[in-house]
Amino acid sequence: MRIRFSDDVNVLMDTRNDRLKVGWKDVVIAEDYDRFVPFAEAIHAYSRDGGTKTWKLPAEWRNAKLEMFTLTKRGRGPAPAHEVRGDTITLELQPHTPVKIVKT
């Protein structure tokens, strides 16, 4: 199933194969069990299964200095291994461990 919203959000769902892809403009914000959600003054990244994930940054985040940290029950944790290259960011995410990215 494909759903298009007026604010440049596109959703692809394949319920038979348990697949999901949500795009906003040229940024993928959800793919299966991985999330990369720009919200307010931050981007929140999450992966159910963990692993190395690469996303395109929203236009207003490209070329900005970024700070990131994991979110734990005790507050901020260490930043995950990461690399920013051009208009993309690659994060090494731990399973079920959210990451918050902010501009500095």
Protein backbone atom coordinates (compact mmCIF):
# COMPACT_ATOMS: atom_id res chain seq x y z
CA MET A 1 0.00 0.00 0.00
CA ARG A 2 1.27 3.50 -0.83
CA ILE A 3 -0.03 6.60 0.95
CA ARG A 4 0.97 10.15 0.02
CA PHE A 5 0.32 13.10 2.29
CA SER A 6 0.30 16.75 1.25
CA ASP A 7 3.32 17.69 3.39
CA ASP A 8 5.75 15.59 1.30
CA VAL A 9 5.31 12.45 3.44
CA ASN A 10 5.17 9.14 1.59
CA VAL A 11 4.38 5.81 3.23
CA LEU A 12 4.95 2.36 1.75
CA MET A 13 3.53 -0.59 3.68
CA ASP A 14 3.77 -4.26 2.84
CA THR A 15 1.87 -6.05 5.60
CA ARG A 16 2.44 -9.49 4.07
CA ASN A 17 6.20 -9.14 4.44
CA ASP A 18 6.12 -6.89 7.54
CA ARG A 19 7.84 -3.99 5.70
CA LEU A 20 7.47 -0.25 6.25
CA LYS A 21 9.13 2.77 4.69
CA VAL A 22 8.22 6.38 5.50
CA GLY A 23 9.86 9.28 3.71
CA TRP A 24 9.63 13.01 4.35
CA LYS A 25 10.93 15.10 1.45
CA ASP A 26 14.25 13.34 0.62
CA VAL A 27 14.76 11.90 4.12
CA VAL A 28 13.77 8.36 5.16
CA ILE A 29 12.36 8.65 8.68
CA ALA A 30 11.29 5.03 9.14
CA GLU A 31 12.41 1.83 7.50
CA ASP A 32 11.15 -1.41 8.97
CA TYR A 33 12.28 -1.23 12.62
CA ASP A 34 14.68 1.71 12.30
CA ARG A 35 13.71 5.34 12.93
CA PHE A 36 15.36 8.68 12.12
CA VAL A 37 12.85 11.34 13.14
CA PRO A 38 13.51 15.09 12.96
CA PHE A 39 11.37 16.67 15.66
CA ALA A 40 11.58 20.16 17.15
CA GLU A 41 15.27 21.02 17.56
CA ALA A 42 16.59 17.44 17.44
CA ILE A 43 16.71 14.24 15.44
CA HIS A 44 15.87 11.02 17.26
CA ALA A 45 17.38 7.79 15.93
CA TYR A 46 16.42 4.30 17.07
CA SER A 47 16.81 0.72 15.92
CA ARG A 48 15.04 -2.29 17.35
CA ASP A 49 17.80 -4.62 16.20
CA GLY A 50 20.81 -2.26 16.21
CA GLY A 51 23.63 -2.14 13.68
CA THR A 52 25.26 0.34 11.33
CA LYS A 53 22.63 2.65 9.84
CA THR A 54 23.05 5.44 7.30
CA TRP A 55 20.52 8.22 6.73
CA LYS A 56 20.33 11.35 4.64
CA LEU A 57 20.23 14.45 6.83
CA PRO A 58 17.39 16.96 6.43
CA ALA A 59 18.47 19.96 4.33
CA GLU A 60 18.68 22.34 7.31
CA TRP A 61 21.00 19.90 9.15
CA ARG A 62 23.53 19.48 6.36
CA ASN A 63 26.91 21.12 7.04
CA ALA A 64 25.89 21.87 10.65
CA LYS A 65 28.05 20.93 13.63
CA LEU A 66 26.30 18.09 15.43
CA GLU A 67 26.36 16.69 18.94
CA MET A 68 24.81 13.36 19.80
CA PHE A 69 24.29 11.16 22.80
CA THR A 70 22.42 8.01 23.77
CA LEU A 71 19.36 8.31 25.98
CA THR A 72 19.38 6.04 29.01
CA LYS A 73 17.26 5.59 32.14
CA ARG A 74 19.89 7.67 33.95
CA GLY A 75 19.97 10.49 31.37
CA ARG A 76 22.54 11.19 28.66
CA GLY A 77 24.90 8.41 27.72
CA PRO A 78 27.94 8.33 25.45
CA ALA A 79 27.67 9.19 21.78
CA PRO A 80 27.53 6.19 19.45
CA ALA A 81 30.26 5.65 16.89
CA HIS A 82 29.31 7.85 13.94
CA GLU A 83 30.48 9.50 10.75
CA VAL A 84 29.06 12.50 8.94
CA ARG A 85 29.95 12.61 5.27
CA GLY A 86 28.39 15.15 2.94
CA ASP A 87 24.64 15.03 3.44
CA THR A 88 24.55 11.67 5.25
CA ILE A 89 25.16 10.41 8.75
CA THR A 90 26.14 6.86 9.70
CA LEU A 91 25.49 5.69 13.25
CA GLU A 92 26.43 2.48 15.02
CA LEU A 93 23.24 1.89 16.99
CA GLN A 94 22.79 -0.51 19.86
CA PRO A 95 19.47 -2.40 19.95
CA HIS A 96 16.66 -0.55 21.75
CA THR A 97 18.94 2.41 22.59
CA PRO A 98 17.66 5.78 21.39
CA VAL A 99 20.06 8.47 20.20
CA LYS A 100 19.41 12.20 20.20
CA ILE A 101 21.20 14.45 17.70
CA VAL A 102 21.29 18.23 18.14
CA LYS A 103 22.97 21.12 16.35
CA THR A 104 25.71 22.85 18.31
